[in-house]
N, C-alpha and C. Protein backbone atom coordinates (compact mmCIF):
# COMPACT_ATOMS: atom_id res chain seq x y z
N MET A 1 -17.41 -41.53 -1.17
CA MET A 1 -18.00 -43.13 -0.37
C MET A 1 -17.32 -44.22 -1.46
N SER A 2 -16.72 -44.32 -2.74
CA SER A 2 -16.47 -45.04 -3.37
C SER A 2 -14.37 -45.29 -3.12
N LEU A 3 -14.29 -44.10 -2.57
CA LEU A 3 -12.81 -44.16 -1.98
C LEU A 3 -12.61 -44.98 -0.38
N LEU A 4 -13.90 -44.41 0.33
CA LEU A 4 -13.66 -45.43 1.35
C LEU A 4 -14.32 -46.71 1.27
N ARG A 5 -14.79 -46.97 0.42
CA ARG A 5 -14.87 -48.09 0.00
C ARG A 5 -14.01 -48.81 -0.15
N SER A 6 -12.96 -48.29 -1.17
CA SER A 6 -11.73 -49.14 -1.63
C SER A 6 -10.76 -49.30 -0.42
N LEU A 7 -10.94 -48.66 0.35
CA LEU A 7 -9.93 -48.27 1.25
C LEU A 7 -10.34 -49.97 2.34
N ALA A 8 -11.64 -49.89 2.37
CA ALA A 8 -12.16 -50.56 3.30
C ALA A 8 -11.98 -52.50 3.16
N ARG A 9 -11.89 -52.53 1.95
CA ARG A 9 -12.06 -53.98 1.29
C ARG A 9 -10.65 -54.49 2.27
N PRO A 10 -9.65 -54.36 2.32
CA PRO A 10 -8.56 -55.40 3.35
C PRO A 10 -9.03 -55.10 4.38
N VAL A 11 -8.80 -56.34 5.47
CA VAL A 11 -9.19 -55.83 6.57
C VAL A 11 -7.76 -55.34 7.52
N LEU A 12 -8.33 -53.85 7.91
CA LEU A 12 -7.25 -53.31 9.12
C LEU A 12 -7.44 -53.46 10.32
N SER A 13 -6.39 -52.90 10.71
CA SER A 13 -6.37 -53.01 12.19
C SER A 13 -5.42 -51.52 12.82
N ALA A 14 -6.40 -50.94 13.87
CA ALA A 14 -5.76 -49.86 14.30
C ALA A 14 -6.06 -49.41 15.54
N ILE A 15 -5.32 -48.86 16.28
CA ILE A 15 -5.52 -48.33 17.82
C ILE A 15 -5.91 -47.52 17.82
N SER A 16 -6.82 -47.24 18.69
CA SER A 16 -7.35 -45.74 18.78
C SER A 16 -8.10 -45.57 19.99
N PRO A 17 -7.89 -44.26 20.95
CA PRO A 17 -8.25 -44.45 22.17
C PRO A 17 -9.70 -44.25 22.28
N ALA A 18 -10.24 -45.34 23.21
CA ALA A 18 -11.60 -45.27 23.40
C ALA A 18 -11.84 -44.31 25.03
N ILE A 19 -13.02 -43.51 24.71
CA ILE A 19 -13.59 -42.63 25.82
C ILE A 19 -14.33 -43.04 26.53
N SER A 20 -14.25 -43.37 27.86
CA SER A 20 -14.96 -43.86 28.94
C SER A 20 -15.92 -42.79 28.77
N CYS A 21 -16.85 -42.76 29.85
CA CYS A 21 -17.80 -41.71 30.65
C CYS A 21 -17.01 -40.64 31.56
N ASN A 22 -16.29 -41.15 32.22
CA ASN A 22 -15.69 -40.17 33.15
C ASN A 22 -14.50 -39.54 32.24
N GLY A 23 -14.40 -40.02 31.33
CA GLY A 23 -13.48 -38.79 30.54
C GLY A 23 -12.01 -39.33 29.98
N THR A 24 -11.89 -40.92 30.87
CA THR A 24 -10.13 -41.21 30.85
C THR A 24 -10.50 -41.62 29.14
N ALA A 25 -9.15 -42.36 29.10
CA ALA A 25 -8.82 -42.96 27.43
C ALA A 25 -8.01 -44.09 27.88
N SER A 26 -8.35 -45.24 27.21
CA SER A 26 -7.60 -46.42 27.37
C SER A 26 -7.80 -46.97 25.77
N LYS A 27 -6.14 -47.32 25.72
CA LYS A 27 -5.82 -48.12 24.20
C LYS A 27 -6.58 -49.51 24.35
N THR A 28 -7.49 -49.26 23.04
CA THR A 28 -7.81 -50.57 22.24
C THR A 28 -8.02 -51.08 21.14
N LEU A 29 -8.08 -51.94 20.77
CA LEU A 29 -7.69 -52.56 19.45
C LEU A 29 -8.90 -52.66 18.28
N LEU A 30 -9.23 -51.61 17.41
CA LEU A 30 -9.80 -51.91 16.36
C LEU A 30 -9.85 -52.83 15.03
N GLN A 31 -10.73 -53.87 15.22
CA GLN A 31 -10.27 -54.33 14.09
C GLN A 31 -11.78 -53.89 13.06
N ILE A 32 -11.12 -53.57 11.69
CA ILE A 32 -12.04 -53.05 10.28
C ILE A 32 -12.28 -54.02 9.84
N GLU A 33 -13.41 -55.30 9.67
CA GLU A 33 -13.53 -55.90 8.45
C GLU A 33 -14.53 -55.38 8.12
N GLY A 34 -14.73 -55.29 6.37
CA GLY A 34 -16.02 -55.54 6.03
C GLY A 34 -16.20 -53.64 5.68
N ARG A 35 -16.79 -53.66 4.66
CA ARG A 35 -17.48 -51.98 4.59
C ARG A 35 -18.35 -51.24 5.53
N SER A 36 -19.08 -52.03 6.36
CA SER A 36 -20.18 -51.47 7.16
C SER A 36 -19.00 -51.03 8.26
N HIS A 37 -18.31 -52.25 8.64
CA HIS A 37 -17.96 -51.50 10.00
C HIS A 37 -16.74 -50.58 10.06
N ALA A 38 -16.29 -50.55 8.69
CA ALA A 38 -14.94 -49.37 8.20
C ALA A 38 -16.02 -48.18 8.55
N ALA A 39 -16.84 -48.11 7.44
CA ALA A 39 -17.68 -46.60 7.90
C ALA A 39 -18.18 -46.48 9.16
N SER A 40 -18.63 -47.39 9.80
CA SER A 40 -19.34 -47.12 11.03
C SER A 40 -18.40 -46.70 12.47
N SER A 41 -17.38 -47.32 12.27
CA SER A 41 -15.78 -46.75 12.97
C SER A 41 -15.45 -45.62 12.50
N LEU A 42 -15.52 -45.08 11.30
CA LEU A 42 -15.16 -43.87 10.95
C LEU A 42 -16.11 -42.82 11.44
N PHE A 43 -17.59 -43.21 11.41
CA PHE A 43 -18.42 -41.73 12.08
C PHE A 43 -18.33 -41.85 14.02
N THR A 44 -18.04 -43.37 14.18
CA THR A 44 -17.52 -43.20 15.70
C THR A 44 -16.72 -42.54 15.96
N SER A 45 -15.61 -42.43 15.78
CA SER A 45 -14.41 -42.22 15.99
C SER A 45 -14.26 -40.45 16.35
N THR A 46 -15.05 -40.32 14.78
CA THR A 46 -15.31 -38.87 14.61
C THR A 46 -16.24 -38.15 15.61
N LYS A 47 -16.93 -38.46 15.66
CA LYS A 47 -17.96 -38.45 16.93
C LYS A 47 -17.53 -38.33 18.39
N LEU A 48 -16.88 -39.17 18.47
CA LEU A 48 -16.00 -39.20 20.02
C LEU A 48 -14.95 -38.30 20.00
N ARG A 49 -14.43 -37.78 19.13
CA ARG A 49 -13.45 -36.94 19.04
C ARG A 49 -14.24 -35.41 19.01
N CYS A 50 -15.15 -35.26 18.61
CA CYS A 50 -16.02 -33.66 18.58
C CYS A 50 -16.35 -33.70 20.13
N GLU A 51 -17.00 -34.67 20.53
CA GLU A 51 -17.74 -34.82 22.36
C GLU A 51 -16.41 -34.35 22.92
N ALA A 52 -15.16 -35.31 22.94
CA ALA A 52 -14.32 -34.54 24.00
C ALA A 52 -13.61 -33.08 23.64
N GLU A 53 -13.68 -32.77 22.36
CA GLU A 53 -13.31 -31.27 22.38
C GLU A 53 -14.34 -30.23 23.19
N GLU A 54 -15.16 -30.48 22.59
CA GLU A 54 -16.53 -29.64 23.25
C GLU A 54 -16.74 -29.88 24.88
N GLY A 55 -16.14 -30.96 25.62
CA GLY A 55 -16.11 -31.00 27.07
C GLY A 55 -15.38 -30.32 27.45
N GLU A 56 -13.91 -29.92 26.64
CA GLU A 56 -12.95 -29.45 27.13
C GLU A 56 -13.19 -27.90 27.32
N PRO A 57 -12.73 -27.70 28.62
CA PRO A 57 -13.17 -26.05 29.36
C PRO A 57 -12.35 -25.00 28.46
N GLN A 58 -12.88 -24.44 27.47
CA GLN A 58 -12.40 -23.45 26.98
C GLN A 58 -11.18 -22.32 27.78
N ALA A 59 -10.34 -21.61 27.52
CA ALA A 59 -9.54 -20.54 28.15
C ALA A 59 -10.02 -19.45 28.04
N GLU A 60 -10.12 -18.69 29.29
CA GLU A 60 -10.72 -17.65 29.21
C GLU A 60 -9.77 -16.49 28.37
N ARG A 61 -10.43 -15.66 27.42
CA ARG A 61 -9.48 -14.81 26.83
C ARG A 61 -9.56 -13.13 27.92
N ASP A 62 -8.03 -12.74 27.70
CA ASP A 62 -7.93 -11.77 28.59
C ASP A 62 -8.38 -10.63 27.29
N PRO A 63 -9.46 -9.84 28.54
CA PRO A 63 -9.48 -8.54 27.01
C PRO A 63 -8.52 -7.58 27.41
N LEU A 64 -7.58 -7.14 28.06
CA LEU A 64 -6.53 -6.15 27.59
C LEU A 64 -5.67 -7.01 26.21
N LYS A 65 -5.73 -8.27 26.47
CA LYS A 65 -4.87 -8.64 24.68
C LYS A 65 -5.93 -9.18 23.61
N ASP A 66 -7.04 -9.17 23.94
CA ASP A 66 -8.05 -9.42 23.03
C ASP A 66 -7.87 -8.37 22.03
N ARG A 67 -7.86 -8.51 20.63
CA ARG A 67 -7.48 -7.57 19.87
C ARG A 67 -8.50 -8.17 18.53
N SER A 68 -9.77 -8.91 18.88
CA SER A 68 -10.93 -9.53 18.03
C SER A 68 -11.77 -8.25 17.44
N LYS A 69 -11.63 -7.37 18.31
CA LYS A 69 -12.78 -6.10 18.07
C LYS A 69 -12.40 -5.11 16.86
N VAL A 70 -12.76 -4.83 15.95
CA VAL A 70 -12.30 -4.12 14.61
C VAL A 70 -13.07 -2.37 15.37
N VAL A 71 -12.12 -1.69 15.62
CA VAL A 71 -11.79 -0.72 15.57
C VAL A 71 -12.23 0.38 14.73
N PRO A 72 -13.16 0.99 14.57
CA PRO A 72 -13.33 2.18 12.90
C PRO A 72 -12.46 3.04 12.92
N VAL A 73 -11.87 3.36 11.77
CA VAL A 73 -11.13 4.75 11.87
C VAL A 73 -11.48 6.31 12.24
N GLU A 74 -13.21 6.11 12.35
CA GLU A 74 -13.49 7.86 12.91
C GLU A 74 -13.05 7.40 14.17
N THR A 75 -13.51 5.97 14.84
CA THR A 75 -13.35 6.35 16.67
C THR A 75 -11.64 6.51 17.04
N SER A 76 -10.70 6.19 15.95
CA SER A 76 -9.23 6.66 15.80
C SER A 76 -9.24 7.98 16.19
N VAL A 77 -9.76 8.20 14.97
CA VAL A 77 -9.86 10.06 15.17
C VAL A 77 -9.77 11.10 16.11
N LYS A 78 -10.98 10.23 16.66
CA LYS A 78 -11.54 11.08 17.58
C LYS A 78 -10.39 10.89 19.10
N TYR A 79 -10.14 9.18 19.04
CA TYR A 79 -9.35 9.52 20.31
C TYR A 79 -8.23 10.09 20.13
N LEU A 80 -7.64 10.35 19.37
CA LEU A 80 -6.31 11.45 19.04
C LEU A 80 -6.33 12.82 19.27
N LYS A 81 -7.96 13.36 19.61
CA LYS A 81 -7.93 14.87 20.16
C LYS A 81 -8.47 14.60 21.33
N SER A 82 -8.76 13.53 22.04
CA SER A 82 -9.25 13.42 23.35
C SER A 82 -8.19 13.38 24.26
N ASP A 83 -8.52 13.71 25.19
CA ASP A 83 -7.80 14.11 26.93
C ASP A 83 -7.31 12.89 27.30
N ALA A 84 -8.15 11.55 26.84
CA ALA A 84 -7.15 10.40 27.41
C ALA A 84 -5.95 10.10 26.44
N TYR A 85 -5.86 10.32 25.26
CA TYR A 85 -4.54 10.37 24.26
C TYR A 85 -3.39 11.95 24.55
N LYS A 86 -3.77 12.54 25.17
CA LYS A 86 -3.04 13.72 25.62
C LYS A 86 -2.48 12.99 27.20
N THR A 87 -3.02 12.62 27.79
CA THR A 87 -2.75 12.03 29.19
C THR A 87 -1.71 11.25 29.02
N THR A 88 -2.06 9.80 27.85
CA THR A 88 -1.07 8.80 28.10
C THR A 88 0.63 9.15 26.98
N TYR A 89 0.03 10.04 26.01
CA TYR A 89 1.62 10.25 25.31
C TYR A 89 1.59 11.64 24.95
N GLY A 90 1.04 12.32 25.71
CA GLY A 90 1.60 13.98 25.85
C GLY A 90 1.48 14.54 24.48
N THR A 91 2.59 15.42 24.31
CA THR A 91 2.64 16.14 22.69
C THR A 91 3.77 14.92 21.95
N ASP A 92 4.23 14.39 23.00
CA ASP A 92 5.21 13.06 21.93
C ASP A 92 4.74 12.16 21.13
N PRO A 93 5.04 11.80 20.25
CA PRO A 93 4.77 10.46 18.87
C PRO A 93 4.43 9.24 19.76
N VAL A 94 3.71 8.82 19.43
CA VAL A 94 3.47 7.24 20.07
C VAL A 94 4.68 6.53 20.18
N TRP A 95 5.89 6.31 19.67
CA TRP A 95 6.68 5.44 19.74
C TRP A 95 7.86 6.19 20.69
N LYS A 96 7.44 7.09 20.81
CA LYS A 96 8.59 7.94 21.41
C LYS A 96 9.09 7.56 22.70
N ARG A 97 8.40 7.06 23.62
CA ARG A 97 8.07 6.77 25.03
C ARG A 97 8.75 5.22 24.93
N TYR A 98 8.59 4.31 23.46
CA TYR A 98 8.77 2.93 23.50
C TYR A 98 10.30 2.74 23.91
N ARG A 99 10.37 1.60 24.66
CA ARG A 99 11.96 0.84 24.62
C ARG A 99 11.26 -0.62 24.34
N ARG A 100 12.54 -1.40 23.67
CA ARG A 100 12.34 -2.73 22.93
C ARG A 100 12.99 -3.39 24.30
N ASN A 101 12.62 -4.92 24.17
CA ASN A 101 12.83 -5.68 25.12
C ASN A 101 14.15 -6.88 24.00
N PHE A 102 15.14 -6.95 24.20
CA PHE A 102 15.96 -8.15 23.70
C PHE A 102 16.93 -8.48 24.28
N LYS A 103 17.42 -9.29 23.59
CA LYS A 103 18.66 -10.18 24.25
C LYS A 103 20.01 -9.92 24.49
N GLY A 104 21.27 -9.34 25.09
CA GLY A 104 22.27 -8.75 24.76
C GLY A 104 22.48 -7.57 24.92
N ALA A 105 23.38 -6.73 24.64
CA ALA A 105 23.71 -5.27 24.07
C ALA A 105 23.36 -4.55 23.67
N PHE A 106 23.26 -5.27 22.28
CA PHE A 106 22.84 -4.33 21.11
C PHE A 106 21.50 -5.34 20.70
N ALA A 107 20.53 -3.91 19.97
CA ALA A 107 19.67 -4.53 19.75
C ALA A 107 19.38 -5.24 17.95
N PRO A 108 18.55 -6.39 18.14
CA PRO A 108 18.64 -7.06 16.30
C PRO A 108 18.00 -6.11 15.37
N ARG A 109 18.75 -5.78 14.18
CA ARG A 109 18.33 -5.15 12.90
C ARG A 109 17.15 -5.26 12.53
N LYS A 110 16.33 -6.21 12.82
CA LYS A 110 15.25 -6.27 12.61
C LYS A 110 13.93 -6.48 13.64
N THR A 111 13.09 -5.58 13.42
CA THR A 111 12.05 -5.91 14.72
C THR A 111 11.12 -7.84 14.26
N ARG A 112 10.00 -8.15 15.49
CA ARG A 112 9.25 -9.24 15.02
C ARG A 112 8.59 -9.20 14.11
N LYS A 113 7.79 -9.96 14.05
CA LYS A 113 7.57 -10.44 12.28
C LYS A 113 5.93 -9.48 12.85
N THR A 114 5.30 -9.82 14.22
CA THR A 114 3.80 -9.68 14.36
C THR A 114 3.54 -9.91 16.18
N CYS A 115 2.80 -8.94 16.64
CA CYS A 115 2.89 -9.08 18.21
C CYS A 115 1.46 -9.56 17.84
N ILE A 116 0.08 -9.89 17.29
CA ILE A 116 -0.59 -10.17 17.32
C ILE A 116 -0.91 -11.34 16.62
N ARG A 117 -1.50 -12.72 16.97
CA ARG A 117 -1.74 -13.94 16.54
C ARG A 117 -2.87 -14.34 17.11
N LYS A 118 -3.83 -14.92 16.14
CA LYS A 118 -5.29 -15.51 16.60
C LYS A 118 -5.87 -14.07 17.45
N ASN A 119 -5.97 -13.36 17.45
CA ASN A 119 -6.59 -12.09 17.34
C ASN A 119 -6.11 -11.88 19.06
N MET A 120 -4.84 -12.34 19.21
CA MET A 120 -4.86 -12.08 20.60
C MET A 120 -2.74 -11.28 20.67
N ILE A 121 -3.14 -10.79 21.80
CA ILE A 121 -1.39 -10.36 22.17
C ILE A 121 -0.38 -11.66 21.89
N SER A 122 0.54 -11.83 21.53
CA SER A 122 1.36 -13.03 21.49
C SER A 122 2.65 -12.34 22.16
N THR A 123 2.70 -11.50 22.61
CA THR A 123 4.14 -10.89 23.45
C THR A 123 4.08 -10.17 24.58
N GLY A 124 4.73 -10.10 25.42
CA GLY A 124 4.67 -9.46 26.69
C GLY A 124 4.97 -7.86 26.14
N ASN A 125 5.81 -7.71 25.51
CA ASN A 125 6.17 -6.20 24.88
C ASN A 125 5.72 -6.10 23.32
N PRO A 126 4.26 -5.88 23.23
CA PRO A 126 4.11 -5.36 21.93
C PRO A 126 4.45 -3.79 21.44
N CYS A 127 4.22 -3.52 19.97
CA CYS A 127 5.05 -2.40 19.56
C CYS A 127 4.14 -1.27 20.08
N PRO A 128 4.19 0.02 19.65
CA PRO A 128 3.65 0.88 20.04
C PRO A 128 2.30 0.73 19.45
N ILE A 129 1.32 0.67 17.96
CA ILE A 129 0.74 0.37 17.38
C ILE A 129 -0.18 -0.53 17.86
N CYS A 130 0.55 -2.16 18.22
CA CYS A 130 -0.38 -3.19 18.32
C CYS A 130 -0.67 -3.47 20.17
N ARG A 131 0.16 -2.35 20.90
CA ARG A 131 -0.20 -2.07 22.23
C ARG A 131 -1.92 -1.34 22.32
N ASP A 132 -1.95 -0.25 21.74
CA ASP A 132 -2.86 0.49 22.39
C ASP A 132 -4.01 -0.05 20.52
N GLU A 133 -5.11 -0.03 21.34
CA GLU A 133 -6.04 -0.72 20.00
C GLU A 133 -6.76 0.63 19.44
N TYR A 134 -6.65 1.83 19.60
CA TYR A 134 -7.42 2.54 19.24
C TYR A 134 -6.76 3.41 18.46
N LEU A 135 -5.38 2.62 18.14
CA LEU A 135 -4.16 3.61 16.84
C LEU A 135 -4.53 2.86 15.61
N VAL A 136 -5.36 3.71 14.93
CA VAL A 136 -5.46 2.59 13.42
C VAL A 136 -4.26 3.07 12.55
N LEU A 137 -3.88 2.10 11.69
CA LEU A 137 -3.06 2.82 10.42
C LEU A 137 -4.17 2.86 9.55
N ASP A 138 -4.48 3.80 8.99
CA ASP A 138 -5.55 4.29 7.73
C ASP A 138 -5.12 5.34 7.36
N TYR A 139 -5.04 5.31 5.51
CA TYR A 139 -4.98 6.67 5.03
C TYR A 139 -5.69 7.95 5.54
N ARG A 140 -6.91 7.50 6.11
CA ARG A 140 -7.68 8.75 6.45
C ARG A 140 -7.09 9.43 8.03
N ASN A 141 -6.64 8.93 8.60
CA ASN A 141 -5.89 8.94 9.64
C ASN A 141 -4.66 10.08 9.57
N VAL A 142 -4.49 11.22 9.28
CA VAL A 142 -3.52 11.59 8.28
C VAL A 142 -2.87 12.18 10.21
N ASP A 143 -3.43 12.51 11.62
CA ASP A 143 -2.60 12.30 12.72
C ASP A 143 -1.50 11.47 13.10
N LEU A 144 -2.21 10.69 12.75
CA LEU A 144 -1.28 9.45 13.39
C LEU A 144 -0.44 8.81 11.98
N LEU A 145 -0.40 9.13 11.27
CA LEU A 145 0.25 8.94 10.03
C LEU A 145 1.70 9.98 10.15
N THR A 146 1.53 11.44 10.57
CA THR A 146 2.17 12.56 10.60
C THR A 146 3.15 12.41 11.33
N GLN A 147 3.20 11.45 12.27
CA GLN A 147 4.10 10.83 13.55
C GLN A 147 5.12 9.95 12.92
N PHE A 148 5.15 9.63 12.06
CA PHE A 148 5.88 8.53 11.43
C PHE A 148 6.59 8.88 10.13
N VAL A 149 5.99 10.05 9.91
CA VAL A 149 7.17 10.91 8.95
C VAL A 149 8.02 11.90 8.91
N SER A 150 9.06 12.21 8.52
CA SER A 150 10.03 12.80 8.99
C SER A 150 9.86 13.90 8.62
N PRO A 151 9.89 15.56 9.43
CA PRO A 151 9.47 16.71 9.32
C PRO A 151 10.64 16.92 8.31
N TYR A 152 12.03 16.56 8.27
CA TYR A 152 12.90 17.49 7.21
C TYR A 152 13.09 17.11 6.06
N ASN A 153 12.87 15.43 5.62
CA ASN A 153 12.74 15.30 4.47
C ASN A 153 11.81 14.61 3.79
N GLY A 154 10.28 14.19 4.40
CA GLY A 154 9.42 13.91 4.00
C GLY A 154 9.25 12.00 3.97
N GLU A 155 10.37 11.61 4.46
CA GLU A 155 10.68 9.86 4.50
C GLU A 155 9.91 9.34 5.95
N ILE A 156 9.60 8.14 5.42
CA ILE A 156 8.67 7.82 6.61
C ILE A 156 10.02 6.98 7.22
N LEU A 157 9.76 7.14 8.58
CA LEU A 157 10.90 6.69 9.34
C LEU A 157 11.08 5.49 9.78
N SER A 158 12.05 4.78 9.83
CA SER A 158 12.48 3.22 9.84
C SER A 158 11.79 2.48 11.06
N TYR A 159 11.78 1.55 10.86
CA TYR A 159 11.03 0.18 12.12
C TYR A 159 12.37 0.56 12.83
N GLN A 160 12.98 0.56 12.46
CA GLN A 160 14.59 0.70 13.64
C GLN A 160 14.49 1.67 14.99
N LYS A 161 13.66 2.97 13.93
CA LYS A 161 13.42 4.45 14.98
C LYS A 161 12.33 4.00 15.75
N THR A 162 11.15 3.28 14.77
CA THR A 162 9.61 3.40 15.71
C THR A 162 9.45 2.41 16.35
N ASN A 163 10.45 1.23 16.08
CA ASN A 163 10.34 0.10 16.93
C ASN A 163 8.61 -0.79 16.38
N LEU A 164 8.22 -0.51 14.98
CA LEU A 164 7.30 -1.05 14.80
C LEU A 164 7.39 -2.45 14.55
N CYS A 165 6.58 -3.38 14.62
CA CYS A 165 6.78 -4.70 14.03
C CYS A 165 6.25 -4.72 12.79
N GLN A 166 7.00 -6.10 11.72
CA GLN A 166 7.04 -5.85 10.40
C GLN A 166 5.37 -5.78 9.99
N ARG A 167 4.76 -6.48 10.47
CA ARG A 167 3.32 -6.16 9.82
C ARG A 167 2.85 -4.87 9.90
N ARG A 168 2.95 -4.16 11.13
CA ARG A 168 2.31 -2.65 11.34
C ARG A 168 3.00 -1.63 10.31
N HIS A 169 4.62 -2.28 9.98
CA HIS A 169 5.46 -1.30 9.34
C HIS A 169 4.98 -1.35 7.93
N LYS A 170 4.57 -2.63 7.52
CA LYS A 170 4.02 -2.86 5.70
C LYS A 170 2.69 -2.13 5.77
N GLU A 171 2.02 -2.30 6.73
CA GLU A 171 0.64 -1.40 6.93
C GLU A 171 0.97 0.22 6.81
N LEU A 172 1.49 0.49 7.69
CA LEU A 172 2.27 2.13 7.56
C LEU A 172 2.41 2.44 6.07
N LEU A 173 3.57 1.86 5.80
CA LEU A 173 3.85 2.14 3.89
C LEU A 173 2.49 2.35 3.36
N VAL A 174 1.64 1.77 3.18
CA VAL A 174 0.72 1.38 2.36
C VAL A 174 -0.36 2.58 2.72
N ALA A 175 -0.30 2.86 4.17
CA ALA A 175 -1.55 3.80 4.00
C ALA A 175 -1.06 5.27 3.99
N VAL A 176 0.67 5.54 4.14
CA VAL A 176 0.95 6.68 3.83
C VAL A 176 0.68 6.83 2.20
N GLN A 177 1.41 6.16 1.43
CA GLN A 177 1.47 6.01 -0.07
C GLN A 177 -0.20 6.64 -0.55
N LYS A 178 -1.13 5.50 0.47
CA LYS A 178 -2.52 6.03 -0.10
C LYS A 178 -2.94 7.24 0.41
N SER A 179 -2.40 7.63 1.09
CA SER A 179 -2.82 9.31 1.61
C SER A 179 -2.20 10.54 0.93
N ARG A 180 -0.99 9.94 0.30
CA ARG A 180 -0.30 11.06 -0.59
C ARG A 180 -1.03 10.95 -1.55
N ASP A 181 -1.65 9.67 -2.13
CA ASP A 181 -2.52 9.65 -3.66
C ASP A 181 -3.42 10.64 -3.21
N TYR A 182 -4.52 10.32 -2.14
CA TYR A 182 -5.51 11.22 -2.37
C TYR A 182 -5.20 12.37 -1.84
N GLY A 183 -4.06 13.08 -1.57
CA GLY A 183 -4.05 14.23 -1.32
C GLY A 183 -4.34 14.50 0.53
N LEU A 184 -4.16 14.14 1.50
CA LEU A 184 -4.47 14.02 2.49
C LEU A 184 -3.42 14.43 2.93
N LEU A 185 -2.24 13.84 2.69
CA LEU A 185 -0.81 14.09 3.50
C LEU A 185 -0.10 14.62 2.16
N THR A 186 0.60 15.57 2.90
CA THR A 186 1.14 16.78 1.37
C THR A 186 2.45 16.16 1.55
N PHE A 187 3.48 16.43 0.87
CA PHE A 187 4.46 16.13 0.28
C PHE A 187 5.18 17.14 -0.49
N ASP A 188 6.55 17.19 -0.80
CA ASP A 188 7.39 18.20 -1.32
C ASP A 188 8.19 17.38 -2.51
N VAL A 189 7.87 17.97 -3.65
CA VAL A 189 8.74 17.02 -4.44
C VAL A 189 10.13 17.74 -5.06
N PRO A 190 10.98 16.67 -5.00
CA PRO A 190 12.40 17.28 -4.85
C PRO A 190 12.76 17.99 -5.66
N PHE A 191 13.51 19.03 -5.56
CA PHE A 191 13.83 20.10 -6.48
C PHE A 191 15.10 19.61 -7.23
N ARG A 192 15.28 19.44 -8.41
CA ARG A 192 16.40 19.49 -9.15
C ARG A 192 17.09 20.35 -9.87
N ALA A 193 18.56 20.73 -9.51
CA ALA A 193 19.13 22.10 -9.80
C ALA A 193 19.83 21.93 -10.96
N TYR A 194 19.65 22.18 -12.60
CA TYR A 194 20.15 21.64 -13.88
C TYR A 194 20.82 22.53 -14.61
N ASP A 195 22.30 22.46 -14.80
CA ASP A 195 23.16 23.23 -15.75
C ASP A 195 22.39 23.34 -17.17
N TYR A 196 21.82 24.07 -17.38
CA TYR A 196 21.67 24.08 -19.22
C TYR A 196 22.65 24.47 -19.69
N SER A 197 23.88 24.69 -19.77
CA SER A 197 25.13 25.13 -20.33
C SER A 197 25.57 23.83 -21.14
N GLU A 198 25.46 22.74 -19.82
CA GLU A 198 26.08 21.72 -20.50
C GLU A 198 25.04 20.42 -21.86
N TYR A 199 23.61 21.45 -22.37
CA TYR A 199 22.92 20.77 -22.95
C TYR A 199 22.72 21.81 -24.45
N TYR A 200 23.11 22.97 -24.06
CA TYR A 200 22.64 24.04 -25.63
C TYR A 200 24.08 24.82 -25.57
N ASN A 201 24.61 24.80 -26.57
CA ASN A 201 25.63 25.50 -27.27
C ASN A 201 25.21 26.90 -26.93
N PRO A 202 26.49 27.80 -26.44
CA PRO A 202 26.00 29.41 -26.61
C PRO A 202 25.76 29.86 -28.09
N LYS A 203 26.97 29.57 -28.51
CA LYS A 203 27.36 29.92 -30.10
C LYS A 203 26.00 29.80 -30.80
N GLN A 204 25.10 28.96 -30.75
CA GLN A 204 24.51 28.60 -31.83
C GLN A 204 22.84 29.44 -31.20
N GLU A 205 23.12 29.68 -30.34
CA GLU A 205 22.09 30.75 -29.47
C GLU A 205 22.28 31.78 -30.17
N SER A 206 23.81 32.45 -30.13
CA SER A 206 23.91 33.67 -30.22
C SER A 206 23.40 33.96 -31.80
N GLY A 207 24.06 32.96 -32.83
CA GLY A 207 23.59 33.33 -34.34
C GLY A 207 22.38 33.24 -34.10
N SER A 208 21.40 31.99 -33.72
CA SER A 208 20.40 32.42 -33.63
C SER A 208 19.54 33.36 -33.55
N SER A 209 20.00 33.96 -32.43
CA SER A 209 19.08 35.42 -32.64
C SER A 209 19.82 36.44 -33.37
N SER A 210 21.05 36.40 -33.88
CA SER A 210 21.29 37.59 -34.78
C SER A 210 20.76 37.24 -36.00
N SER A 211 20.37 35.76 -36.27
CA SER A 211 19.70 35.95 -37.89
C SER A 211 18.31 36.36 -37.53
N THR A 212 18.14 35.93 -36.75
CA THR A 212 16.40 36.93 -36.66
C THR A 212 16.95 37.95 -36.43
């Protein structure tokens, strides 16, 4: 309040839109003189702005693009075993039949940052995970995570192959690593073949064996 009073001491003048009953706006000159006038004009302008925003009709949310609903992991696990999933994807991974939209002959090296903004799909061709709301990246959803892991070397497939957006790819890295830490997703430890003759002298070994 003290800051408002210090600002209202000099005579201020500002142009602000005055909202009439029919919703039209006309520019009028508001002269702020004194403390009471400054406070009342501030509250009046805030009230008029709120009424104008409340009167505007809100755009309807497309249910096909709405991602505000949180799908549990248990539902996603059941979905991967359902007939609807088999009809949609068959036996292929979820990213197998996906095709990116890009300009030119060659695709960009990196995919888009995210497909969902403000709980709504903001692109016409979302990535394989964002387009299906029942595909949840979680460390407990092993059947989904194995589709993004190479069966040959156990490494996570690159986003250049799976075409995931950067946000979903980071979530995939976290989910796979956490699943491996919990022991839900198995992986092979790389085998190292060492030549122990480089570390031990055969003559010393023969001498020690003969002395014993």
